[in-house]
Amino acid sequence: MLRMKTLCVALLLIALPAAGARFKYVGKKVTVLIPDGIELTPEKFMAFPVLTSTFESDGQGGVRFAGVDPASRIPRLRECTASGPAVPRKKPDQSRLEVICPGEGIWHLFTPTSDLKAAEALVDQFVVAGPPDSPAAQALLEKAVARVMAPLFAKELASVPEERRSGLVAALRKVGAGGVEPLAYRDALYLSVSLGPHGNVFNTIQMNRTQRVARVTTEQLIPALREIERGLAGTEAIQGVALEVEIAYKNFLKPDNAEAGLDRLEILVPRAELAKLADDEITSQQLVNASVVRLNGNRIEVDLSQQ
């Protein structure tokens, strides 16, 4: 009996590497580039709730997720754990990649192929081993940003030289842009940049709305405007920059009450004012005063001292 158990264990140990060889990732820490806003369907997997979506080639060397146009969305870097791709028993005509990101649940992402090599080639377009600051992750992000910028450079910025394009792409990567598109505002061409959600959820006990807006403007919007203005150096076609960020808030002592939500903050800044800020001719407050600031679609005044 002991010999039989030993033989079974030995056979199991021999089989494990062979089974594991089917997977590109097996519980590895990875950086995942998935655009916000993909359509995720709640499902059950074993006893665990999961969110599912599908992905496929976008024809531009990247992937298209359900509900997301890859030509207008820049994915943010997520540090997650990934396993797969693998062919699931219940869906033998597909491959599944399991992604677990802190605070975002379990994702099961399916690609419509059971060819694991083909599935791996698609996974390689948005998953890379290592942390977000690794060269591999940054290179993958640069490719994603370049794909999003391609339509803009083909139209409004077609005359911009290649070296200046790369400077703008680098600036957009640095500020964490989630979407970029042209915007016609008051007969001028603006570069509209979505920064997605702010990194903090603000405690309403400590900061009211006026204070939250002032803090985000000072700590995120002003530095991002400076960086984008540097990236736009020599690009005269763009006459202004519009930034948008989402600000989440809630009462941390009573998280289940109605005192929670999301504010959408926008700022539209003429390039002429940005140039003055870059040359230290005006203060950040003067820049904000010369700009259009909207909160949830309504124009507001912002006092940067109220933080």
C-alpha atoms as a PDB file:
ATOM      1  CA  MET A   1       0.000   0.000   0.000  1.00  0.00           C
ATOM      2  CA  LEU A   2       2.836   2.386   0.915  1.00  0.00           C
ATOM      3  CA  ARG A   3       4.558   1.668  -2.393  1.00  0.00           C
ATOM      4  CA  MET A   4       1.324   2.371  -4.256  1.00  0.00           C
ATOM      5  CA  LYS A   5       0.897   5.755  -2.476  1.00  0.00           C
ATOM      6  CA  THR A   6       4.513   6.649  -3.205  1.00  0.00           C
ATOM      7  CA  LEU A   7       4.003   5.757  -6.867  1.00  0.00           C
ATOM      8  CA  CYS A   8       0.857   7.894  -7.053  1.00  0.00           C
ATOM      9  CA  VAL A   9       2.650  10.908  -5.532  1.00  0.00           C
ATOM     10  CA  ALA A  10       5.548  10.455  -7.934  1.00  0.00           C
ATOM     11  CA  LEU A  11       3.197  10.309 -10.913  1.00  0.00           C
ATOM     12  CA  LEU A  12       1.424  13.434  -9.665  1.00  0.00           C
ATOM     13  CA  LEU A  13       4.700  15.345  -9.346  1.00  0.00           C
ATOM     14  CA  ILE A  14       5.687  14.288 -12.848  1.00  0.00           C
ATOM     15  CA  ALA A  15       2.306  15.385 -14.217  1.00  0.00           C
ATOM     16  CA  LEU A  16       2.267  18.803 -12.570  1.00  0.00           C
ATOM     17  CA  PRO A  17       4.922  20.477 -14.764  1.00  0.00           C
ATOM     18  CA  ALA A  18       3.256  19.104 -17.883  1.00  0.00           C
ATOM     19  CA  ALA A  19      -0.103  20.521 -16.842  1.00  0.00           C
ATOM     20  CA  GLY A  20       1.454  23.808 -15.788  1.00  0.00           C
ATOM     21  CA  ALA A  21       3.269  24.101 -19.112  1.00  0.00           C
ATOM     22  CA  ARG A  22      -0.087  24.857 -20.767  1.00  0.00           C
ATOM     23  CA  PHE A  23      -0.295  28.146 -18.884  1.00  0.00           C
ATOM     24  CA  LYS A  24       1.634  31.275 -19.677  1.00  0.00           C
ATOM     25  CA  TYR A  25       0.815  32.659 -16.228  1.00  0.00           C
ATOM     26  CA  VAL A  26       0.129  30.634 -13.096  1.00  0.00           C
ATOM     27  CA  GLY A  27      -0.660  32.966 -10.201  1.00  0.00           C
ATOM     28  CA  LYS A  28       2.078  35.394 -11.259  1.00  0.00           C
ATOM     29  CA  LYS A  29       2.241  39.053 -10.331  1.00  0.00           C
ATOM     30  CA  VAL A  30       1.743  40.989 -13.522  1.00  0.00           C
ATOM     31  CA  THR A  31       0.925  44.420 -14.880  1.00  0.00           C
ATOM     32  CA  VAL A  32      -2.374  44.469 -16.766  1.00  0.00           C
ATOM     33  CA  LEU A  33      -3.401  47.142 -19.272  1.00  0.00           C
ATOM     34  CA  ILE A  34      -7.191  47.062 -19.565  1.00  0.00           C
ATOM     35  CA  PRO A  35      -9.182  50.218 -20.389  1.00  0.00           C
ATOM     36  CA  ASP A  36     -11.700  51.383 -17.812  1.00  0.00           C
ATOM     37  CA  GLY A  37     -15.326  50.948 -18.823  1.00  0.00           C
ATOM     38  CA  ILE A  38     -15.221  47.481 -20.360  1.00  0.00           C
ATOM     39  CA  GLU A  39     -18.520  45.597 -20.182  1.00  0.00           C
ATOM     40  CA  LEU A  40     -18.262  43.008 -17.409  1.00  0.00           C
ATOM     41  CA  THR A  41     -21.061  40.481 -16.848  1.00  0.00           C
ATOM     42  CA  PRO A  42     -21.578  39.091 -13.309  1.00  0.00           C
ATOM     43  CA  GLU A  43     -21.424  35.279 -13.275  1.00  0.00           C
ATOM     44  CA  LYS A  44     -20.746  32.408 -10.897  1.00  0.00           C
ATOM     45  CA  PHE A  45     -17.608  30.275 -11.145  1.00  0.00           C
ATOM     46  CA  MET A  46     -17.578  27.386  -8.710  1.00  0.00           C
ATOM     47  CA  ALA A  47     -18.657  29.135  -5.482  1.00  0.00           C
ATOM     48  CA  PHE A  48     -17.099  32.491  -6.388  1.00  0.00           C
ATOM     49  CA  PRO A  49     -18.703  35.509  -8.080  1.00  0.00           C
ATOM     50  CA  VAL A  50     -16.705  36.585 -11.131  1.00  0.00           C
ATOM     51  CA  LEU A  51     -16.947  39.260 -13.804  1.00  0.00           C
ATOM     52  CA  THR A  52     -16.556  38.161 -17.407  1.00  0.00           C
ATOM     53  CA  SER A  53     -15.806  39.883 -20.688  1.00  0.00           C
ATOM     54  CA  THR A  54     -14.421  38.999 -24.091  1.00  0.00           C
ATOM     55  CA  PHE A  55     -11.432  40.326 -25.989  1.00  0.00           C
ATOM     56  CA  GLU A  56     -10.117  39.983 -29.516  1.00  0.00           C
ATOM     57  CA  SER A  57      -7.604  41.555 -31.869  1.00  0.00           C
ATOM     58  CA  ASP A  58      -8.277  45.190 -32.732  1.00  0.00           C
ATOM     59  CA  GLY A  59      -6.377  44.903 -36.000  1.00  0.00           C
ATOM     60  CA  GLN A  60      -3.775  47.444 -34.821  1.00  0.00           C
ATOM     61  CA  GLY A  61      -1.481  45.174 -32.843  1.00  0.00           C
ATOM     62  CA  GLY A  62      -3.612  45.430 -29.716  1.00  0.00           C
ATOM     63  CA  VAL A  63      -6.866  44.058 -28.346  1.00  0.00           C
ATOM     64  CA  ARG A  64     -10.471  45.207 -28.294  1.00  0.00           C
ATOM     65  CA  PHE A  65     -12.561  44.542 -25.195  1.00  0.00           C
ATOM     66  CA  ALA A  66     -16.340  44.321 -25.272  1.00  0.00           C
ATOM     67  CA  GLY A  67     -17.847  47.799 -25.282  1.00  0.00           C
ATOM     68  CA  VAL A  68     -14.574  49.706 -25.619  1.00  0.00           C
ATOM     69  CA  ASP A  69     -13.230  51.421 -28.722  1.00  0.00           C
ATOM     70  CA  PRO A  70      -9.449  50.893 -28.521  1.00  0.00           C
ATOM     71  CA  ALA A  71      -8.882  53.962 -30.684  1.00  0.00           C
ATOM     72  CA  SER A  72     -10.130  56.355 -27.996  1.00  0.00           C
ATOM     73  CA  ARG A  73      -9.233  54.813 -24.634  1.00  0.00           C
ATOM     74  CA  ILE A  74      -5.838  54.521 -22.951  1.00  0.00           C
ATOM     75  CA  PRO A  75      -5.596  51.669 -20.446  1.00  0.00           C
ATOM     76  CA  ARG A  76      -4.241  52.355 -16.981  1.00  0.00           C
ATOM     77  CA  LEU A  77      -1.609  50.152 -15.406  1.00  0.00           C
ATOM     78  CA  ARG A  78      -2.989  47.676 -12.880  1.00  0.00           C
ATOM     79  CA  GLU A  79      -0.828  45.438 -10.699  1.00  0.00           C
ATOM     80  CA  CYS A  80      -2.669  42.129 -10.530  1.00  0.00           C
ATOM     81  CA  THR A  81      -2.333  38.356 -10.434  1.00  0.00           C
ATOM     82  CA  ALA A  82      -3.021  36.397 -13.609  1.00  0.00           C
ATOM     83  CA  SER A  83      -3.514  32.732 -14.491  1.00  0.00           C
ATOM     84  CA  GLY A  84      -3.911  31.283 -17.960  1.00  0.00           C
ATOM     85  CA  PRO A  85      -4.788  31.310 -20.718  1.00  0.00           C
ATOM     86  CA  ALA A  86      -6.479  27.913 -20.520  1.00  0.00           C
ATOM     87  CA  VAL A  87      -9.299  26.169 -22.356  1.00  0.00           C
ATOM     88  CA  PRO A  88     -12.260  25.852 -19.943  1.00  0.00           C
ATOM     89  CA  ARG A  89     -14.202  22.579 -19.903  1.00  0.00           C
ATOM     90  CA  LYS A  90     -17.589  24.252 -20.227  1.00  0.00           C
ATOM     91  CA  LYS A  91     -16.468  26.494 -23.098  1.00  0.00           C
ATOM     92  CA  PRO A  92     -14.099  24.318 -25.153  1.00  0.00           C
ATOM     93  CA  ASP A  93     -14.186  26.729 -28.098  1.00  0.00           C
ATOM     94  CA  GLN A  94     -12.712  29.571 -26.003  1.00  0.00           C
ATOM     95  CA  SER A  95      -9.680  30.359 -23.874  1.00  0.00           C
ATOM     96  CA  ARG A  96      -9.950  31.951 -20.442  1.00  0.00           C
ATOM     97  CA  LEU A  97      -7.573  34.269 -18.627  1.00  0.00           C
ATOM     98  CA  GLU A  98      -8.202  34.825 -14.922  1.00  0.00           C
ATOM     99  CA  VAL A  99      -7.153  38.226 -13.580  1.00  0.00           C
ATOM    100  CA  ILE A 100      -7.404  39.255  -9.933  1.00  0.00           C
ATOM    101  CA  CYS A 101      -6.782  42.954  -9.264  1.00  0.00           C
ATOM    102  CA  PRO A 102      -6.958  44.343  -5.695  1.00  0.00           C
ATOM    103  CA  GLY A 103     -10.325  45.955  -5.087  1.00  0.00           C
ATOM    104  CA  GLU A 104     -11.738  44.941  -8.470  1.00  0.00           C
ATOM    105  CA  GLY A 105     -12.833  41.339  -7.899  1.00  0.00           C
ATOM    106  CA  ILE A 106     -12.066  38.358 -10.105  1.00  0.00           C
ATOM    107  CA  TRP A 107     -12.150  38.808 -13.869  1.00  0.00           C
ATOM    108  CA  HIS A 108     -12.536  35.952 -16.335  1.00  0.00           C
ATOM    109  CA  LEU A 109     -11.577  37.255 -19.754  1.00  0.00           C
ATOM    110  CA  PHE A 110     -12.418  35.084 -22.750  1.00  0.00           C
ATOM    111  CA  THR A 111     -11.024  35.115 -26.245  1.00  0.00           C
ATOM    112  CA  PRO A 112     -12.929  33.271 -28.991  1.00  0.00           C
ATOM    113  CA  THR A 113     -10.257  30.681 -29.717  1.00  0.00           C
ATOM    114  CA  SER A 114      -9.158  27.394 -28.178  1.00  0.00           C
ATOM    115  CA  ASP A 115      -5.711  27.759 -29.758  1.00  0.00           C
ATOM    116  CA  LEU A 116      -3.576  28.528 -26.705  1.00  0.00           C
ATOM    117  CA  LYS A 117      -0.704  29.960 -28.758  1.00  0.00           C
ATOM    118  CA  ALA A 118      -3.097  32.355 -30.482  1.00  0.00           C
ATOM    119  CA  ALA A 119      -4.646  33.231 -27.117  1.00  0.00           C
ATOM    120  CA  GLU A 120      -1.208  33.882 -25.609  1.00  0.00           C
ATOM    121  CA  ALA A 121      -0.349  36.206 -28.493  1.00  0.00           C
ATOM    122  CA  LEU A 122      -3.458  38.280 -27.672  1.00  0.00           C
ATOM    123  CA  VAL A 123      -2.792  38.184 -23.921  1.00  0.00           C
ATOM    124  CA  ASP A 124       0.703  39.533 -24.591  1.00  0.00           C
ATOM    125  CA  GLN A 125      -0.903  42.751 -25.860  1.00  0.00           C
ATOM    126  CA  PHE A 126      -2.212  43.707 -22.407  1.00  0.00           C
ATOM    127  CA  VAL A 127      -0.440  41.550 -19.797  1.00  0.00           C
ATOM    128  CA  VAL A 128       3.255  41.640 -18.939  1.00  0.00           C
ATOM    129  CA  ALA A 129       5.148  40.036 -16.075  1.00  0.00           C
ATOM    130  CA  GLY A 130       6.551  42.424 -13.490  1.00  0.00           C
ATOM    131  CA  PRO A 131       5.532  45.714 -11.815  1.00  0.00           C
ATOM    132  CA  PRO A 132       4.039  48.768 -13.574  1.00  0.00           C
ATOM    133  CA  ASP A 133       7.366  50.643 -13.512  1.00  0.00           C
ATOM    134  CA  SER A 134       9.218  47.845 -15.323  1.00  0.00           C
ATOM    135  CA  PRO A 135      10.594  48.605 -18.806  1.00  0.00           C
ATOM    136  CA  ALA A 136       8.347  45.918 -20.323  1.00  0.00           C
ATOM    137  CA  ALA A 137       5.198  47.435 -18.805  1.00  0.00           C
ATOM    138  CA  GLN A 138       6.164  50.963 -19.853  1.00  0.00           C
ATOM    139  CA  ALA A 139       6.924  49.781 -23.394  1.00  0.00           C
ATOM    140  CA  LEU A 140       3.513  48.127 -23.605  1.00  0.00           C
ATOM    141  CA  LEU A 141       1.842  51.300 -22.345  1.00  0.00           C
ATOM    142  CA  GLU A 142       3.713  53.401 -24.896  1.00  0.00           C
ATOM    143  CA  LYS A 143       2.365  51.178 -27.686  1.00  0.00           C
ATOM    144  CA  ALA A 144      -1.163  51.550 -26.327  1.00  0.00           C
ATOM    145  CA  VAL A 145      -0.901  55.348 -26.135  1.00  0.00           C
ATOM    146  CA  ALA A 146       0.554  55.527 -29.652  1.00  0.00           C
ATOM    147  CA  ARG A 147      -2.404  53.529 -31.027  1.00  0.00           C
ATOM    148  CA  VAL A 148      -4.868  55.894 -29.356  1.00  0.00           C
ATOM    149  CA  MET A 149      -3.006  58.947 -30.652  1.00  0.00           C
ATOM    150  CA  ALA A 150      -2.764  57.640 -34.226  1.00  0.00           C
ATOM    151  CA  PRO A 151      -6.178  59.004 -35.359  1.00  0.00           C
ATOM    152  CA  LEU A 152      -5.392  62.423 -33.884  1.00  0.00           C
ATOM    153  CA  PHE A 153      -2.046  62.612 -35.676  1.00  0.00           C
ATOM    154  CA  ALA A 154      -3.738  61.528 -38.893  1.00  0.00           C
ATOM    155  CA  LYS A 155      -6.073  64.536 -38.786  1.00  0.00           C
ATOM    156  CA  GLU A 156      -5.642  67.651 -36.662  1.00  0.00           C
ATOM    157  CA  LEU A 157      -1.960  67.024 -35.914  1.00  0.00           C
ATOM    158  CA  ALA A 158      -0.896  65.477 -39.217  1.00  0.00           C
ATOM    159  CA  SER A 159       1.801  68.123 -39.730  1.00  0.00           C
ATOM    160  CA  VAL A 160       3.448  67.555 -36.333  1.00  0.00           C
ATOM    161  CA  PRO A 161       6.987  66.118 -36.778  1.00  0.00           C
ATOM    162  CA  GLU A 162       7.684  62.644 -35.397  1.00  0.00           C
ATOM    163  CA  GLU A 163      10.007  63.851 -32.641  1.00  0.00           C
ATOM    164  CA  ARG A 164       7.336  66.192 -31.295  1.00  0.00           C
ATOM    165  CA  ARG A 165       4.724  63.450 -31.462  1.00  0.00           C
ATOM    166  CA  SER A 166       6.845  61.230 -29.259  1.00  0.00           C
ATOM    167  CA  GLY A 167       7.209  64.078 -26.743  1.00  0.00           C
ATOM    168  CA  LEU A 168       3.436  64.473 -26.517  1.00  0.00           C
ATOM    169  CA  VAL A 169       2.930  60.712 -26.191  1.00  0.00           C
ATOM    170  CA  ALA A 170       5.486  60.624 -23.365  1.00  0.00           C
ATOM    171  CA  ALA A 171       3.702  63.483 -21.578  1.00  0.00           C
ATOM    172  CA  LEU A 172       0.324  61.757 -21.833  1.00  0.00           C
ATOM    173  CA  ARG A 173       1.804  58.547 -20.454  1.00  0.00           C
ATOM    174  CA  LYS A 174       3.342  60.456 -17.554  1.00  0.00           C
ATOM    175  CA  VAL A 175       0.082  62.135 -16.495  1.00  0.00           C
ATOM    176  CA  GLY A 176      -1.867  58.865 -16.691  1.00  0.00           C
ATOM    177  CA  ALA A 177      -4.203  59.884 -19.511  1.00  0.00           C
ATOM    178  CA  GLY A 178      -7.144  57.545 -20.017  1.00  0.00           C
ATOM    179  CA  GLY A 179      -8.490  59.081 -23.210  1.00  0.00           C
ATOM    180  CA  VAL A 180      -7.393  61.716 -25.738  1.00  0.00           C
ATOM    181  CA  GLU A 181      -9.397  63.422 -28.450  1.00  0.00           C
ATOM    182  CA  PRO A 182      -9.732  66.781 -30.228  1.00  0.00           C
ATOM    183  CA  LEU A 183     -12.275  69.249 -28.853  1.00  0.00           C
ATOM    184  CA  ALA A 184     -13.654  72.306 -30.622  1.00  0.00           C
ATOM    185  CA  TYR A 185     -14.266  74.995 -27.989  1.00  0.00           C
ATOM    186  CA  ARG A 186     -15.035  78.633 -28.781  1.00  0.00           C
ATOM    187  CA  ASP A 187     -13.739  78.273 -32.331  1.00  0.00           C
ATOM    188  CA  ALA A 188     -10.413  76.914 -31.049  1.00  0.00           C
ATOM    189  CA  LEU A 189      -8.936  73.416 -31.160  1.00  0.00           C
ATOM    190  CA  TYR A 190      -8.316  71.943 -27.706  1.00  0.00           C
ATOM    191  CA  LEU A 191      -6.663  68.692 -26.731  1.00  0.00           C
ATOM    192  CA  SER A 192      -9.174  66.948 -24.467  1.00  0.00           C
ATOM    193  CA  VAL A 193      -7.562  64.527 -22.002  1.00  0.00           C
ATOM    194  CA  SER A 194      -9.394  62.255 -19.566  1.00  0.00           C
ATOM    195  CA  LEU A 195      -7.421  61.418 -16.431  1.00  0.00           C
ATOM    196  CA  GLY A 196      -9.961  58.881 -15.188  1.00  0.00           C
ATOM    197  CA  PRO A 197     -10.607  58.490 -11.455  1.00  0.00           C
ATOM    198  CA  HIS A 198      -8.453  60.331  -8.931  1.00  0.00           C
ATOM    199  CA  GLY A 199      -6.335  57.977  -6.849  1.00  0.00           C
ATOM    200  CA  ASN A 200      -8.051  58.840  -3.536  1.00  0.00           C
ATOM    201  CA  VAL A 201     -11.550  58.433  -2.170  1.00  0.00           C
ATOM    202  CA  PHE A 202     -12.025  61.567  -0.067  1.00  0.00           C
ATOM    203  CA  ASN A 203     -13.536  61.447   3.409  1.00  0.00           C
ATOM    204  CA  THR A 204     -16.450  63.902   3.603  1.00  0.00           C
ATOM    205  CA  ILE A 205     -15.839  64.279   7.341  1.00  0.00           C
ATOM    206  CA  GLN A 206     -12.438  65.808   6.635  1.00  0.00           C
ATOM    207  CA  MET A 207     -12.950  67.644   3.324  1.00  0.00           C
ATOM    208  CA  ASN A 208     -15.995  69.277   1.782  1.00  0.00           C
ATOM    209  CA  ARG A 209     -16.549  69.616  -1.954  1.00  0.00           C
ATOM    210  CA  THR A 210     -14.811  73.000  -2.205  1.00  0.00           C
ATOM    211  CA  GLN A 211     -11.735  71.606  -0.469  1.00  0.00           C
ATOM    212  CA  ARG A 212     -11.694  68.444  -2.591  1.00  0.00           C
ATOM    213  CA  VAL A 213     -11.813  70.436  -5.817  1.00  0.00           C
ATOM    214  CA  ALA A 214      -9.000  72.747  -4.659  1.00  0.00           C
ATOM    215  CA  ARG A 215      -6.838  69.799  -3.567  1.00  0.00           C
ATOM    216  CA  VAL A 216      -7.264  67.848  -6.819  1.00  0.00           C
ATOM    217  CA  THR A 217      -6.681  70.963  -8.916  1.00  0.00           C
ATOM    218  CA  THR A 218      -3.464  71.762  -7.069  1.00  0.00           C
ATOM    219  CA  GLU A 219      -2.069  68.251  -6.757  1.00  0.00           C
ATOM    220  CA  GLN A 220      -3.156  66.714 -10.076  1.00  0.00           C
ATOM    221  CA  LEU A 221      -4.533  69.122 -12.655  1.00  0.00           C
ATOM    222  CA  ILE A 222      -1.898  71.871 -12.460  1.00  0.00           C
ATOM    223  CA  PRO A 223       1.073  69.419 -12.678  1.00  0.00           C
ATOM    224  CA  ALA A 224      -0.649  67.565 -15.531  1.00  0.00           C
ATOM    225  CA  LEU A 225      -1.209  70.823 -17.418  1.00  0.00           C
ATOM    226  CA  ARG A 226       2.464  71.738 -17.029  1.00  0.00           C
ATOM    227  CA  GLU A 227       3.535  68.315 -18.329  1.00  0.00           C
ATOM    228  CA  ILE A 228       1.187  68.378 -21.306  1.00  0.00           C
ATOM    229  CA  GLU A 229       2.265  71.914 -22.220  1.00  0.00           C
ATOM    230  CA  ARG A 230       5.868  70.671 -22.336  1.00  0.00           C
ATOM    231  CA  GLY A 231       4.733  67.805 -24.565  1.00  0.00           C
ATOM    232  CA  LEU A 232       2.943  70.250 -26.877  1.00  0.00           C
ATOM    233  CA  ALA A 233       6.028  72.457 -27.355  1.00  0.00           C
ATOM    234  CA  GLY A 234       6.142  73.601 -30.974  1.00  0.00           C
ATOM    235  CA  THR A 235       2.654  72.273 -31.764  1.00  0.00           C
ATOM    236  CA  GLU A 236       0.758  75.428 -32.666  1.00  0.00           C
ATOM    237  CA  ALA A 237      -2.349  73.640 -33.986  1.00  0.00           C
ATOM    238  CA  ILE A 238      -3.516  72.932 -30.427  1.00  0.00           C
ATOM    239  CA  GLN A 239      -4.764  76.175 -28.863  1.00  0.00           C
ATOM    240  CA  GLY A 240      -5.924  74.844 -25.513  1.00  0.00           C
ATOM    241  CA  VAL A 241      -5.949  71.866 -23.161  1.00  0.00           C
ATOM    242  CA  ALA A 242      -9.018  70.389 -21.471  1.00  0.00           C
ATOM    243  CA  LEU A 243      -8.596  67.983 -18.558  1.00  0.00           C
ATOM    244  CA  GLU A 244     -11.234  65.859 -16.859  1.00  0.00           C
ATOM    245  CA  VAL A 245     -10.942  63.858 -13.631  1.00  0.00           C
ATOM    246  CA  GLU A 246     -13.409  61.967 -11.450  1.00  0.00           C
ATOM    247  CA  ILE A 247     -13.361  62.595  -7.684  1.00  0.00           C
ATOM    248  CA  ALA A 248     -14.868  59.934  -5.431  1.00  0.00           C
ATOM    249  CA  TYR A 249     -16.034  60.748  -1.907  1.00  0.00           C
ATOM    250  CA  LYS A 250     -17.855  59.102   1.000  1.00  0.00           C
ATOM    251  CA  ASN A 251     -18.420  59.286   4.742  1.00  0.00           C
ATOM    252  CA  PHE A 252     -15.889  56.840   6.172  1.00  0.00           C
ATOM    253  CA  LEU A 253     -17.772  56.526   9.475  1.00  0.00           C
ATOM    254  CA  LYS A 254     -21.053  55.735   7.733  1.00  0.00           C
ATOM    255  CA  PRO A 255     -19.977  54.170   4.423  1.00  0.00           C
ATOM    256  CA  ASP A 256     -23.438  52.732   3.696  1.00  0.00           C
ATOM    257  CA  ASN A 257     -25.345  56.002   3.846  1.00  0.00           C
ATOM    258  CA  ALA A 258     -26.162  58.337   0.981  1.00  0.00           C
ATOM    259  CA  GLU A 259     -23.121  60.549   1.631  1.00  0.00           C
ATOM    260  CA  ALA A 260     -21.079  58.999  -1.165  1.00  0.00           C
ATOM    261  CA  GLY A 261     -20.688  59.707  -4.830  1.00  0.00           C
ATOM    262  CA  LEU A 262     -18.529  60.845  -7.713  1.00  0.00           C
ATOM    263  CA  ASP A 263     -17.860  64.396  -8.948  1.00  0.00           C
ATOM    264  CA  ARG A 264     -16.651  65.142 -12.479  1.00  0.00           C
ATOM    265  CA  LEU A 265     -14.188  68.045 -12.553  1.00  0.00           C
ATOM    266  CA  GLU A 266     -13.193  69.719 -15.838  1.00  0.00           C
ATOM    267  CA  ILE A 267     -10.788  72.525 -16.625  1.00  0.00           C
ATOM    268  CA  LEU A 268     -10.316  74.162 -20.042  1.00  0.00           C
ATOM    269  CA  VAL A 269      -7.154  76.226 -20.331  1.00  0.00           C
ATOM    270  CA  PRO A 270      -5.949  78.362 -23.279  1.00  0.00           C
ATOM    271  CA  ARG A 271      -2.383  77.565 -24.372  1.00  0.00           C
ATOM    272  CA  ALA A 272      -1.473  81.250 -24.029  1.00  0.00           C
ATOM    273  CA  GLU A 273      -2.168  81.056 -20.291  1.00  0.00           C
ATOM    274  CA  LEU A 274      -0.272  77.785 -19.990  1.00  0.00           C
ATOM    275  CA  ALA A 275       2.756  79.421 -21.580  1.00  0.00           C
ATOM    276  CA  LYS A 276       2.608  82.189 -18.965  1.00  0.00           C
ATOM    277  CA  LEU A 277       2.503  79.617 -16.175  1.00  0.00           C
ATOM    278  CA  ALA A 278       5.465  77.769 -17.658  1.00  0.00           C
ATOM    279  CA  ASP A 279       7.426  81.053 -17.763  1.00  0.00           C
ATOM    280  CA  ASP A 280       6.464  81.931 -14.157  1.00  0.00           C
ATOM    281  CA  GLU A 281       4.560  84.999 -15.346  1.00  0.00           C
ATOM    282  CA  ILE A 282       1.383  83.986 -13.497  1.00  0.00           C
ATOM    283  CA  THR A 283       0.487  81.871 -10.473  1.00  0.00           C
ATOM    284  CA  SER A 284      -1.542  78.675 -10.464  1.00  0.00           C
ATOM    285  CA  GLN A 285      -4.472  80.642  -9.051  1.00  0.00           C
ATOM    286  CA  GLN A 286      -4.257  83.164 -11.890  1.00  0.00           C
ATOM    287  CA  LEU A 287      -4.200  80.292 -14.393  1.00  0.00           C
ATOM    288  CA  VAL A 288      -7.352  78.806 -12.870  1.00  0.00           C
ATOM    289  CA  ASN A 289      -9.040  82.232 -12.896  1.00  0.00           C
ATOM    290  CA  ALA A 290      -8.299  82.565 -16.625  1.00  0.00           C
ATOM    291  CA  SER A 291      -9.699  79.097 -17.347  1.00  0.00           C
ATOM    292  CA  VAL A 292     -13.141  77.553 -17.497  1.00  0.00           C
ATOM    293  CA  VAL A 293     -13.714  75.146 -14.593  1.00  0.00           C
ATOM    294  CA  ARG A 294     -16.826  72.979 -14.439  1.00  0.00           C
ATOM    295  CA  LEU A 295     -18.038  70.615 -11.747  1.00  0.00           C
ATOM    296  CA  ASN A 296     -20.627  68.099 -12.923  1.00  0.00           C
ATOM    297  CA  GLY A 297     -21.284  70.320 -15.935  1.00  0.00           C
ATOM    298  CA  ASN A 298     -21.737  73.592 -14.019  1.00  0.00           C
ATOM    299  CA  ARG A 299     -19.145  76.364 -14.154  1.00  0.00           C
ATOM    300  CA  ILE A 300     -17.545  77.181 -10.808  1.00  0.00           C
ATOM    301  CA  GLU A 301     -14.839  79.356  -9.272  1.00  0.00           C
ATOM    302  CA  VAL A 302     -11.954  77.614  -7.515  1.00  0.00           C
ATOM    303  CA  ASP A 303      -9.985  79.038  -4.603  1.00  0.00           C
ATOM    304  CA  LEU A 304      -6.797  77.006  -4.369  1.00  0.00           C
ATOM    305  CA  SER A 305      -6.219  78.157  -0.792  1.00  0.00           C
ATOM    306  CA  GLN A 306      -9.299  76.202   0.376  1.00  0.00           C
ATOM    307  CA  GLN A 307      -7.712  72.792   0.971  1.00  0.00           C
END
